[in-house]
């Protein structure tokens, strides 16, 4: 992925700049710009307050986690009628020492422990004969399991994801194939607010 660089450009609103992708153009009508900024000014203090509260809560959250992780792994929360709150302790991720588990279970490990075999293959792939489509690789893997008598459709899920295809690639291929069709790329934005340092 290309390095993300941000630059600031003037808006038509006093004391407000747009932060945009370097080299990107942005033209926002004054009425819409004023609306975006009004929304941002309502959101910003709330987000900053949430961030501050999260920082203040971290030592207490860490202490509760430590009790649950080390001493009381079955603890799932607290219901306090006096202070009127429920604190939930939900397992988020569980990590296993695979080799330690295999040593513990010995031959039982292979047949009794549910696992996922995650195979990552980055393409495009080329052999001496030329390009190997990733769909062919996935199908060859499935066929191998079918020959072993495995119900492939029931236990195998192969998902192909696009990685590292950036703006430079899009521009290059748009010059050949035309504009990127609408809906082909969806960008999910996360919003984070931080205080502006004085000075």
Foldseek 3Di string as FASTA:
>chain_A
DDDWDWDWADDPDPPDTDIDTPPDDDDDDPVVVVVVVVVCVVVQVVQAVVVVVVVVCVVVVVVVVCCCVPPNVPDAWDQDPVVGDIGGDDDDDDDDPVVVVCVVCPPVCVVPDDDDDDDDDDDQDADPVGTDDVVNVVVVVLVVVVVVVDPCVVPDDDDDDDPDCDPVNQVVVCVPVNHDDPPPDDDDDDDHHHDDDDD
